[in-house]
N, C-alpha and C. Protein backbone atom coordinates (compact mmCIF):
# COMPACT_ATOMS: atom_id res chain seq x y z
N MET A 1 11.77 32.43 28.01
CA MET A 1 12.44 33.23 27.01
C MET A 1 13.51 32.39 26.33
N ILE A 2 13.66 32.53 25.04
CA ILE A 2 14.61 31.75 24.26
C ILE A 2 15.97 32.43 24.29
N ASN A 3 16.97 31.65 24.61
CA ASN A 3 18.34 32.14 24.62
C ASN A 3 18.92 31.93 23.23
N ILE A 4 19.11 33.02 22.48
CA ILE A 4 19.55 32.97 21.09
C ILE A 4 20.92 32.32 20.97
N SER A 5 21.81 32.57 21.88
CA SER A 5 23.17 32.00 21.76
C SER A 5 23.13 30.49 21.92
N LYS A 6 22.26 29.96 22.79
CA LYS A 6 22.16 28.51 22.95
C LYS A 6 21.57 27.87 21.69
N VAL A 7 20.57 28.52 21.11
CA VAL A 7 19.98 28.02 19.87
C VAL A 7 21.02 28.03 18.77
N SER A 8 21.78 29.10 18.69
CA SER A 8 22.83 29.21 17.68
C SER A 8 23.88 28.13 17.86
N ASN A 9 24.25 27.84 19.10
CA ASN A 9 25.24 26.78 19.36
C ASN A 9 24.72 25.41 18.94
N VAL A 10 23.46 25.12 19.21
CA VAL A 10 22.87 23.84 18.80
C VAL A 10 22.85 23.75 17.28
N TYR A 11 22.44 24.84 16.63
CA TYR A 11 22.38 24.85 15.17
C TYR A 11 23.77 24.63 14.58
N THR A 12 24.77 25.31 15.12
CA THR A 12 26.14 25.19 14.62
C THR A 12 26.67 23.77 14.83
N ALA A 13 26.37 23.18 15.95
CA ALA A 13 26.86 21.84 16.25
C ALA A 13 26.25 20.79 15.32
N HIS A 14 25.04 21.04 14.82
CA HIS A 14 24.36 20.06 13.99
C HIS A 14 24.36 20.42 12.51
N THR A 15 25.04 21.46 12.13
CA THR A 15 25.13 21.85 10.74
C THR A 15 26.21 21.03 10.06
N VAL A 16 25.92 20.58 8.84
CA VAL A 16 26.89 19.79 8.09
C VAL A 16 27.97 20.72 7.57
N SER A 17 29.20 20.38 7.91
CA SER A 17 30.30 21.24 7.48
C SER A 17 30.68 20.99 6.03
N SER A 18 30.47 19.77 5.56
CA SER A 18 30.85 19.44 4.19
C SER A 18 29.77 18.59 3.53
N PRO A 19 28.90 19.19 2.74
CA PRO A 19 27.85 18.42 2.09
C PRO A 19 28.41 17.34 1.16
N ASN A 20 29.59 17.57 0.59
CA ASN A 20 30.19 16.59 -0.31
C ASN A 20 30.52 15.29 0.43
N LYS A 21 30.87 15.39 1.70
CA LYS A 21 31.19 14.20 2.49
C LYS A 21 29.95 13.32 2.60
N ILE A 22 28.80 13.92 2.82
CA ILE A 22 27.56 13.16 2.92
C ILE A 22 27.22 12.54 1.56
N ASN A 23 27.35 13.30 0.48
CA ASN A 23 27.03 12.79 -0.84
C ASN A 23 27.90 11.59 -1.20
N LYS A 24 29.16 11.61 -0.82
CA LYS A 24 30.04 10.48 -1.10
C LYS A 24 29.57 9.24 -0.35
N GLN A 25 29.09 9.40 0.86
CA GLN A 25 28.60 8.25 1.63
C GLN A 25 27.32 7.70 1.00
N VAL A 26 26.47 8.54 0.50
CA VAL A 26 25.21 8.10 -0.10
C VAL A 26 25.47 7.39 -1.41
N ASP A 27 26.49 7.84 -2.15
CA ASP A 27 26.78 7.27 -3.46
C ASP A 27 27.41 5.88 -3.38
N LYS A 28 27.85 5.44 -2.23
CA LYS A 28 28.45 4.12 -2.11
C LYS A 28 27.42 3.05 -2.40
N LYS A 29 27.81 2.07 -3.18
CA LYS A 29 26.91 0.97 -3.51
C LYS A 29 27.01 -0.10 -2.43
N ILE A 30 25.90 -0.73 -2.16
CA ILE A 30 25.87 -1.79 -1.17
C ILE A 30 26.21 -3.10 -1.88
N GLU A 31 27.19 -3.78 -1.37
CA GLU A 31 27.63 -5.04 -1.95
C GLU A 31 26.81 -6.18 -1.36
N GLY A 32 26.64 -7.25 -2.10
CA GLY A 32 25.95 -8.42 -1.60
C GLY A 32 24.69 -8.70 -2.38
N THR A 33 24.00 -9.72 -1.95
CA THR A 33 22.78 -10.11 -2.63
C THR A 33 21.64 -10.19 -1.63
N TYR A 34 20.44 -10.16 -2.16
CA TYR A 34 19.25 -10.27 -1.34
C TYR A 34 18.39 -11.38 -1.93
N THR A 35 17.97 -12.29 -1.11
CA THR A 35 17.08 -13.35 -1.53
C THR A 35 15.79 -13.23 -0.73
N PRO A 36 14.68 -12.94 -1.40
CA PRO A 36 13.41 -12.81 -0.66
C PRO A 36 12.97 -14.15 -0.09
N SER A 37 12.24 -14.09 1.00
CA SER A 37 11.75 -15.29 1.65
C SER A 37 10.64 -15.93 0.81
N GLU A 38 10.30 -17.16 1.16
CA GLU A 38 9.21 -17.86 0.46
C GLU A 38 7.89 -17.12 0.66
N THR A 39 7.70 -16.58 1.86
CA THR A 39 6.48 -15.81 2.15
C THR A 39 6.41 -14.57 1.27
N ALA A 40 7.55 -13.89 1.10
CA ALA A 40 7.58 -12.69 0.24
C ALA A 40 7.28 -13.07 -1.21
N ASN A 41 7.81 -14.20 -1.66
CA ASN A 41 7.53 -14.65 -3.03
C ASN A 41 6.05 -14.99 -3.20
N ASP A 42 5.47 -15.66 -2.20
CA ASP A 42 4.03 -15.98 -2.26
C ASP A 42 3.20 -14.71 -2.30
N PHE A 43 3.56 -13.75 -1.46
CA PHE A 43 2.84 -12.48 -1.43
C PHE A 43 2.93 -11.79 -2.78
N ALA A 44 4.11 -11.78 -3.39
CA ALA A 44 4.29 -11.12 -4.69
C ALA A 44 3.45 -11.81 -5.76
N THR A 45 3.37 -13.13 -5.71
CA THR A 45 2.56 -13.87 -6.68
C THR A 45 1.09 -13.51 -6.55
N ILE A 46 0.60 -13.47 -5.31
CA ILE A 46 -0.80 -13.12 -5.07
C ILE A 46 -1.08 -11.68 -5.47
N LEU A 47 -0.18 -10.78 -5.12
CA LEU A 47 -0.35 -9.37 -5.46
C LEU A 47 -0.38 -9.17 -6.97
N ASN A 48 0.47 -9.86 -7.70
CA ASN A 48 0.48 -9.75 -9.16
C ASN A 48 -0.81 -10.30 -9.76
N ALA A 49 -1.34 -11.39 -9.19
CA ALA A 49 -2.60 -11.95 -9.68
C ALA A 49 -3.75 -10.97 -9.45
N ILE A 50 -3.75 -10.31 -8.30
CA ILE A 50 -4.79 -9.32 -8.00
C ILE A 50 -4.69 -8.14 -8.95
N ARG A 51 -3.47 -7.69 -9.19
CA ARG A 51 -3.29 -6.55 -10.11
C ARG A 51 -3.72 -6.90 -11.53
N ALA A 52 -3.52 -8.16 -11.94
CA ALA A 52 -3.88 -8.58 -13.30
C ALA A 52 -5.38 -8.77 -13.44
N SER A 53 -6.07 -8.98 -12.34
CA SER A 53 -7.52 -9.21 -12.35
C SER A 53 -8.25 -7.89 -12.52
N ASP A 54 -9.41 -7.96 -13.18
CA ASP A 54 -10.21 -6.74 -13.32
C ASP A 54 -11.15 -6.55 -12.14
N GLY A 55 -11.19 -7.53 -11.22
CA GLY A 55 -11.99 -7.39 -10.01
C GLY A 55 -13.45 -7.77 -10.17
N VAL A 56 -13.84 -8.22 -11.36
CA VAL A 56 -15.22 -8.58 -11.61
C VAL A 56 -15.33 -10.10 -11.65
N ARG A 57 -16.27 -10.62 -10.88
CA ARG A 57 -16.51 -12.07 -10.89
C ARG A 57 -17.62 -12.35 -11.88
N ALA A 58 -17.20 -12.70 -13.09
CA ALA A 58 -18.14 -12.89 -14.20
C ALA A 58 -19.19 -13.94 -13.89
N ASP A 59 -18.85 -14.99 -13.16
CA ASP A 59 -19.81 -16.05 -12.85
C ASP A 59 -20.97 -15.50 -12.02
N LYS A 60 -20.66 -14.66 -11.04
CA LYS A 60 -21.72 -14.07 -10.21
C LYS A 60 -22.55 -13.06 -11.01
N VAL A 61 -21.88 -12.25 -11.79
CA VAL A 61 -22.58 -11.24 -12.60
C VAL A 61 -23.54 -11.93 -13.56
N ASN A 62 -23.07 -12.98 -14.22
CA ASN A 62 -23.91 -13.69 -15.19
C ASN A 62 -25.10 -14.37 -14.51
N ALA A 63 -24.89 -14.92 -13.32
CA ALA A 63 -25.99 -15.57 -12.59
C ALA A 63 -27.04 -14.54 -12.19
N ILE A 64 -26.63 -13.37 -11.74
CA ILE A 64 -27.58 -12.32 -11.36
C ILE A 64 -28.32 -11.81 -12.59
N LYS A 65 -27.61 -11.60 -13.71
CA LYS A 65 -28.25 -11.15 -14.94
C LYS A 65 -29.32 -12.14 -15.39
N ALA A 66 -28.97 -13.43 -15.31
CA ALA A 66 -29.92 -14.46 -15.75
C ALA A 66 -31.17 -14.47 -14.88
N SER A 67 -30.98 -14.32 -13.56
CA SER A 67 -32.16 -14.33 -12.68
C SER A 67 -32.99 -13.06 -12.85
N ILE A 68 -32.37 -11.93 -13.16
CA ILE A 68 -33.13 -10.69 -13.43
C ILE A 68 -33.95 -10.86 -14.70
N GLU A 69 -33.32 -11.41 -15.76
CA GLU A 69 -34.02 -11.60 -17.03
C GLU A 69 -35.17 -12.60 -16.89
N ALA A 70 -34.98 -13.60 -16.00
CA ALA A 70 -36.03 -14.60 -15.78
C ALA A 70 -37.11 -14.10 -14.83
N GLY A 71 -36.86 -12.97 -14.18
CA GLY A 71 -37.83 -12.41 -13.25
C GLY A 71 -37.83 -13.09 -11.89
N THR A 72 -36.77 -13.80 -11.60
CA THR A 72 -36.70 -14.52 -10.33
C THR A 72 -35.75 -13.88 -9.33
N TYR A 73 -35.18 -12.77 -9.70
CA TYR A 73 -34.21 -12.11 -8.80
C TYR A 73 -34.95 -11.34 -7.72
N SER A 74 -34.61 -11.64 -6.47
CA SER A 74 -35.20 -10.88 -5.37
C SER A 74 -34.16 -10.73 -4.27
N VAL A 75 -34.27 -9.63 -3.58
CA VAL A 75 -33.35 -9.34 -2.49
C VAL A 75 -34.18 -9.08 -1.25
N SER A 76 -33.78 -9.67 -0.17
CA SER A 76 -34.49 -9.50 1.09
C SER A 76 -34.28 -8.07 1.61
N SER A 77 -35.36 -7.45 2.05
CA SER A 77 -35.23 -6.10 2.62
C SER A 77 -34.39 -6.15 3.89
N HIS A 78 -34.45 -7.24 4.61
CA HIS A 78 -33.61 -7.41 5.81
C HIS A 78 -32.14 -7.40 5.43
N ASP A 79 -31.78 -8.09 4.32
CA ASP A 79 -30.38 -8.10 3.87
C ASP A 79 -29.91 -6.70 3.48
N ILE A 80 -30.76 -5.95 2.79
CA ILE A 80 -30.41 -4.59 2.39
C ILE A 80 -30.19 -3.71 3.61
N ALA A 81 -31.11 -3.79 4.57
CA ALA A 81 -30.99 -2.98 5.79
C ALA A 81 -29.74 -3.33 6.58
N SER A 82 -29.43 -4.62 6.67
CA SER A 82 -28.24 -5.01 7.46
C SER A 82 -26.95 -4.55 6.77
N LYS A 83 -26.93 -4.54 5.44
CA LYS A 83 -25.75 -4.04 4.72
C LYS A 83 -25.59 -2.53 4.88
N ILE A 84 -26.72 -1.82 4.93
CA ILE A 84 -26.66 -0.38 5.11
C ILE A 84 -26.16 -0.02 6.53
N LEU A 85 -26.60 -0.80 7.50
CA LEU A 85 -26.25 -0.49 8.89
C LEU A 85 -24.87 -0.99 9.31
N THR A 86 -24.26 -1.85 8.52
CA THR A 86 -22.92 -2.36 8.91
C THR A 86 -21.85 -1.89 7.99
């Protein structure tokens, strides 16, 4: 059975008495500077390159198109099955 007075005491003890006090603490600006690591800079460079890319490898697409047009494009049924199963 829940003891209402104990619940009320816990609630009262953890209730913020002055919301303005908390807002003043949040509004404080943090002084100082931040310098990202070399790893973080490398990651940002790679991430920006990926975002700028359209994700299509034109060299592969053009090679497949050329082999389809030439009638030489073939795919192994074993390769298709293994891709489906994995």
